[in-house]
Each structure stands twice: as structure tokens, then as C-alpha cells.
Amino acid sequence: MKHTKKVWPKFFQAILDGKKTYELRLADWECREGDILLLREWDPATEMYSGREIEKHVTYVGKTRDFSFWSQEDIEKYGYQIIGFK
């Protein structure tokens, strides 16, 4: 399945440069390994697409509802961080 999503310019450029190798998204849609993300650069200041886009293949999906190793208190105190790696 192919999913089209907006990406703000600074994040889009980091993906294009190969520095950002992950996406953090609200899990309000179903994404699975093997799907394709069509990422379209979107400028929130102008509320317009730039015309630049890139396709990425989904290799892993982790959902926070599946995580049970932190207490709710710690989550509220520290929040989450997403760590990309190669």
C-alpha cells in the first residue's frame, strides 16, 4: 500500500540528505512493513506543496501502545525520543 504524507521543509531536506531515516507519526492510520511512504514537502507558512517528493519503503513500524516497559509517570516526566541508526 502507498501512503501520501506531508513533510515540513527542514525534515524533508534531512530525509533527502539521508540524515533522517525515520518518521514519527500519530498512529491514526495503518502502516505496515513493505508499504511505501510518498513524502511530499509541505510549507506550513504558505500552506502549499513545494513540488518536491520522495518515496521511501517502510522497513519497520513500532507503535507506542506496544511498549510497556516505562511507567506512565516516567513517560509524562521525560516523554519519548526517537533514535535513528544505520
N, C-alpha and C. Protein backbone atom coordinates (compact mmCIF):
# COMPACT_ATOMS: atom_id res chain seq x y z
N MET A 1 0.84 -1.17 0.00
CA MET A 1 0.00 0.00 0.00
C MET A 1 0.89 1.24 0.00
N LYS A 2 0.44 2.29 -0.66
CA LYS A 2 1.17 3.55 -0.70
C LYS A 2 0.41 4.58 0.13
N HIS A 3 1.16 5.30 0.97
CA HIS A 3 0.60 6.34 1.82
C HIS A 3 1.26 7.67 1.47
N THR A 4 0.47 8.70 1.26
CA THR A 4 1.00 10.03 0.96
C THR A 4 0.90 10.89 2.20
N LYS A 5 2.04 11.49 2.59
CA LYS A 5 2.09 12.31 3.80
C LYS A 5 2.84 13.61 3.54
N LYS A 6 2.43 14.66 4.25
CA LYS A 6 3.12 15.94 4.20
C LYS A 6 4.35 15.88 5.09
N VAL A 7 5.41 16.58 4.68
CA VAL A 7 6.62 16.70 5.48
C VAL A 7 7.10 18.15 5.39
N TRP A 8 7.37 18.76 6.53
CA TRP A 8 7.85 20.14 6.56
C TRP A 8 9.24 20.23 5.94
N PRO A 9 9.59 21.38 5.36
CA PRO A 9 10.84 21.53 4.61
C PRO A 9 12.11 21.06 5.33
N LYS A 10 12.32 21.43 6.59
CA LYS A 10 13.58 21.05 7.24
C LYS A 10 13.67 19.54 7.43
N PHE A 11 12.55 18.88 7.66
CA PHE A 11 12.55 17.43 7.81
C PHE A 11 12.69 16.74 6.45
N PHE A 12 12.03 17.31 5.44
CA PHE A 12 12.14 16.77 4.09
C PHE A 12 13.59 16.79 3.63
N GLN A 13 14.27 17.92 3.83
CA GLN A 13 15.66 18.05 3.40
C GLN A 13 16.55 17.05 4.14
N ALA A 14 16.30 16.84 5.43
CA ALA A 14 17.09 15.87 6.20
C ALA A 14 16.88 14.46 5.67
N ILE A 15 15.67 14.14 5.24
CA ILE A 15 15.39 12.83 4.63
C ILE A 15 16.13 12.73 3.30
N LEU A 16 16.02 13.78 2.50
CA LEU A 16 16.68 13.81 1.19
C LEU A 16 18.19 13.66 1.33
N ASP A 17 18.77 14.29 2.35
CA ASP A 17 20.21 14.21 2.59
C ASP A 17 20.65 12.87 3.19
N GLY A 18 19.68 12.04 3.59
CA GLY A 18 20.00 10.74 4.17
C GLY A 18 20.29 10.78 5.66
N LYS A 19 20.12 11.94 6.30
CA LYS A 19 20.39 12.07 7.73
C LYS A 19 19.20 11.60 8.58
N LYS A 20 17.99 11.79 8.09
CA LYS A 20 16.78 11.39 8.82
C LYS A 20 16.25 10.12 8.19
N THR A 21 16.34 9.03 8.93
CA THR A 21 15.96 7.71 8.39
C THR A 21 14.79 7.11 9.17
N TYR A 22 13.87 7.96 9.61
CA TYR A 22 12.71 7.51 10.38
C TYR A 22 11.60 8.54 10.20
N GLU A 23 10.41 8.21 10.61
CA GLU A 23 9.29 9.14 10.68
C GLU A 23 8.60 8.93 12.02
N LEU A 24 8.21 9.99 12.66
CA LEU A 24 7.40 9.94 13.87
C LEU A 24 6.03 10.46 13.48
N ARG A 25 5.03 9.62 13.58
CA ARG A 25 3.68 9.98 13.15
C ARG A 25 2.66 9.51 14.17
N LEU A 26 1.56 10.23 14.27
CA LEU A 26 0.43 9.77 15.05
C LEU A 26 -0.09 8.49 14.41
N ALA A 27 -0.39 7.50 15.23
CA ALA A 27 -0.82 6.20 14.70
C ALA A 27 -2.32 6.18 14.41
N ASP A 28 -2.79 7.19 13.67
CA ASP A 28 -4.22 7.27 13.33
C ASP A 28 -4.49 6.70 11.94
N TRP A 29 -3.53 5.95 11.41
CA TRP A 29 -3.68 5.26 10.12
C TRP A 29 -2.80 4.01 10.18
N GLU A 30 -3.11 3.05 9.37
CA GLU A 30 -2.42 1.75 9.40
C GLU A 30 -1.25 1.75 8.44
N CYS A 31 -0.06 1.54 8.96
CA CYS A 31 1.15 1.45 8.16
C CYS A 31 1.83 0.14 8.50
N ARG A 32 2.28 -0.57 7.48
CA ARG A 32 2.89 -1.89 7.70
C ARG A 32 4.22 -1.98 6.98
N GLU A 33 5.07 -2.89 7.46
CA GLU A 33 6.32 -3.17 6.77
C GLU A 33 6.01 -3.56 5.33
N GLY A 34 6.79 -3.04 4.40
CA GLY A 34 6.56 -3.30 2.99
C GLY A 34 5.76 -2.21 2.29
N ASP A 35 5.07 -1.36 3.06
CA ASP A 35 4.33 -0.25 2.46
C ASP A 35 5.30 0.78 1.91
N ILE A 36 4.77 1.71 1.15
CA ILE A 36 5.57 2.81 0.60
C ILE A 36 5.03 4.12 1.14
N LEU A 37 5.94 4.99 1.60
CA LEU A 37 5.57 6.34 2.00
C LEU A 37 5.94 7.29 0.87
N LEU A 38 4.96 8.00 0.36
CA LEU A 38 5.21 9.09 -0.58
C LEU A 38 5.22 10.35 0.27
N LEU A 39 6.40 10.92 0.48
CA LEU A 39 6.56 12.09 1.32
C LEU A 39 6.64 13.33 0.44
N ARG A 40 5.70 14.25 0.67
CA ARG A 40 5.62 15.48 -0.14
C ARG A 40 5.98 16.68 0.73
N GLU A 41 6.92 17.47 0.25
CA GLU A 41 7.35 18.65 1.02
C GLU A 41 6.20 19.66 1.10
N TRP A 42 5.87 20.08 2.31
CA TRP A 42 4.77 20.98 2.59
C TRP A 42 5.28 22.13 3.45
N ASP A 43 5.04 23.35 3.03
CA ASP A 43 5.45 24.51 3.80
C ASP A 43 4.27 25.01 4.63
N PRO A 44 4.33 24.87 5.96
CA PRO A 44 3.20 25.30 6.79
C PRO A 44 2.99 26.81 6.78
N ALA A 45 4.03 27.59 6.47
CA ALA A 45 3.89 29.04 6.42
C ALA A 45 3.03 29.48 5.24
N THR A 46 3.23 28.84 4.09
CA THR A 46 2.47 29.20 2.88
C THR A 46 1.28 28.28 2.66
N GLU A 47 1.26 27.17 3.41
CA GLU A 47 0.22 26.14 3.24
C GLU A 47 0.17 25.64 1.80
N MET A 48 1.38 25.40 1.26
CA MET A 48 1.48 24.90 -0.11
C MET A 48 2.55 23.83 -0.20
N TYR A 49 2.37 22.94 -1.19
CA TYR A 49 3.40 21.96 -1.51
C TYR A 49 4.47 22.62 -2.37
N SER A 50 5.72 22.20 -2.19
CA SER A 50 6.82 22.76 -2.98
C SER A 50 6.94 22.08 -4.34
N GLY A 51 6.41 20.87 -4.44
CA GLY A 51 6.56 20.08 -5.66
C GLY A 51 7.60 18.98 -5.50
N ARG A 52 8.42 19.08 -4.43
CA ARG A 52 9.41 18.03 -4.19
C ARG A 52 8.75 16.88 -3.44
N GLU A 53 9.08 15.67 -3.83
CA GLU A 53 8.56 14.49 -3.15
C GLU A 53 9.58 13.36 -3.25
N ILE A 54 9.45 12.41 -2.34
CA ILE A 54 10.36 11.28 -2.30
C ILE A 54 9.58 10.06 -1.80
N GLU A 55 9.88 8.90 -2.35
CA GLU A 55 9.27 7.65 -1.90
C GLU A 55 10.26 6.88 -1.04
N LYS A 56 9.75 6.33 0.07
CA LYS A 56 10.56 5.51 0.96
C LYS A 56 9.81 4.22 1.26
N HIS A 57 10.54 3.12 1.31
CA HIS A 57 9.96 1.83 1.64
C HIS A 57 9.99 1.64 3.16
N VAL A 58 8.87 1.22 3.72
CA VAL A 58 8.76 1.02 5.16
C VAL A 58 9.42 -0.31 5.52
N THR A 59 10.40 -0.25 6.42
CA THR A 59 11.11 -1.46 6.83
C THR A 59 10.76 -1.89 8.25
N TYR A 60 10.21 -0.98 9.04
CA TYR A 60 9.86 -1.31 10.43
C TYR A 60 8.82 -0.32 10.93
N VAL A 61 7.84 -0.80 11.68
CA VAL A 61 6.83 0.05 12.31
C VAL A 61 6.74 -0.35 13.77
N GLY A 62 7.03 0.57 14.67
CA GLY A 62 6.88 0.34 16.10
C GLY A 62 5.82 1.30 16.62
N LYS A 63 4.87 0.79 17.37
CA LYS A 63 3.80 1.62 17.91
C LYS A 63 3.93 1.68 19.43
N THR A 64 3.75 2.86 19.97
CA THR A 64 3.95 3.04 21.41
C THR A 64 2.94 2.29 22.25
N ARG A 65 1.80 1.96 21.73
CA ARG A 65 0.85 1.15 22.51
C ARG A 65 1.40 -0.24 22.78
N ASP A 66 2.37 -0.65 21.97
CA ASP A 66 3.00 -1.96 22.15
C ASP A 66 4.09 -1.93 23.22
N PHE A 67 4.48 -0.72 23.66
CA PHE A 67 5.56 -0.60 24.65
C PHE A 67 4.96 -0.61 26.06
N SER A 68 5.52 -1.44 26.93
CA SER A 68 5.02 -1.48 28.30
C SER A 68 6.15 -1.43 29.32
N PHE A 69 7.33 -0.98 28.90
CA PHE A 69 8.45 -1.02 29.82
C PHE A 69 8.71 0.27 30.57
N TRP A 70 7.91 1.30 30.40
CA TRP A 70 8.06 2.53 31.16
C TRP A 70 6.76 2.83 31.90
N SER A 71 6.89 3.44 33.05
CA SER A 71 5.70 3.84 33.81
C SER A 71 5.10 5.08 33.16
N GLN A 72 3.80 5.28 33.35
CA GLN A 72 3.13 6.46 32.82
C GLN A 72 3.75 7.73 33.43
N GLU A 73 4.15 7.64 34.68
CA GLU A 73 4.79 8.78 35.35
C GLU A 73 6.09 9.18 34.63
N ASP A 74 6.92 8.19 34.29
CA ASP A 74 8.17 8.49 33.58
C ASP A 74 7.91 9.04 32.18
N ILE A 75 6.90 8.51 31.50
CA ILE A 75 6.56 8.99 30.17
C ILE A 75 6.15 10.46 30.24
N GLU A 76 5.32 10.80 31.21
CA GLU A 76 4.87 12.19 31.35
C GLU A 76 6.03 13.11 31.75
N LYS A 77 6.96 12.61 32.55
CA LYS A 77 8.09 13.40 33.01
C LYS A 77 9.12 13.63 31.90
N TYR A 78 9.46 12.58 31.16
CA TYR A 78 10.54 12.64 30.18
C TYR A 78 10.09 12.67 28.72
N GLY A 79 8.92 12.13 28.42
CA GLY A 79 8.48 12.00 27.04
C GLY A 79 9.26 10.90 26.32
N TYR A 80 9.13 10.87 25.01
CA TYR A 80 9.83 9.89 24.19
C TYR A 80 10.91 10.58 23.38
N GLN A 81 11.90 9.85 22.98
CA GLN A 81 12.82 10.31 21.95
C GLN A 81 12.92 9.19 20.91
N ILE A 82 13.02 9.58 19.68
CA ILE A 82 13.17 8.63 18.60
C ILE A 82 14.63 8.68 18.17
N ILE A 83 15.25 7.52 18.04
CA ILE A 83 16.66 7.45 17.72
C ILE A 83 16.82 6.73 16.38
N GLY A 84 17.38 7.39 15.41
CA GLY A 84 17.65 6.76 14.13
C GLY A 84 19.05 6.17 14.12
N PHE A 85 19.23 5.11 13.38
CA PHE A 85 20.54 4.49 13.28
C PHE A 85 20.68 3.78 11.96
N LYS A 86 21.95 3.46 11.60
CA LYS A 86 22.23 2.73 10.35
C LYS A 86 22.87 1.42 10.69
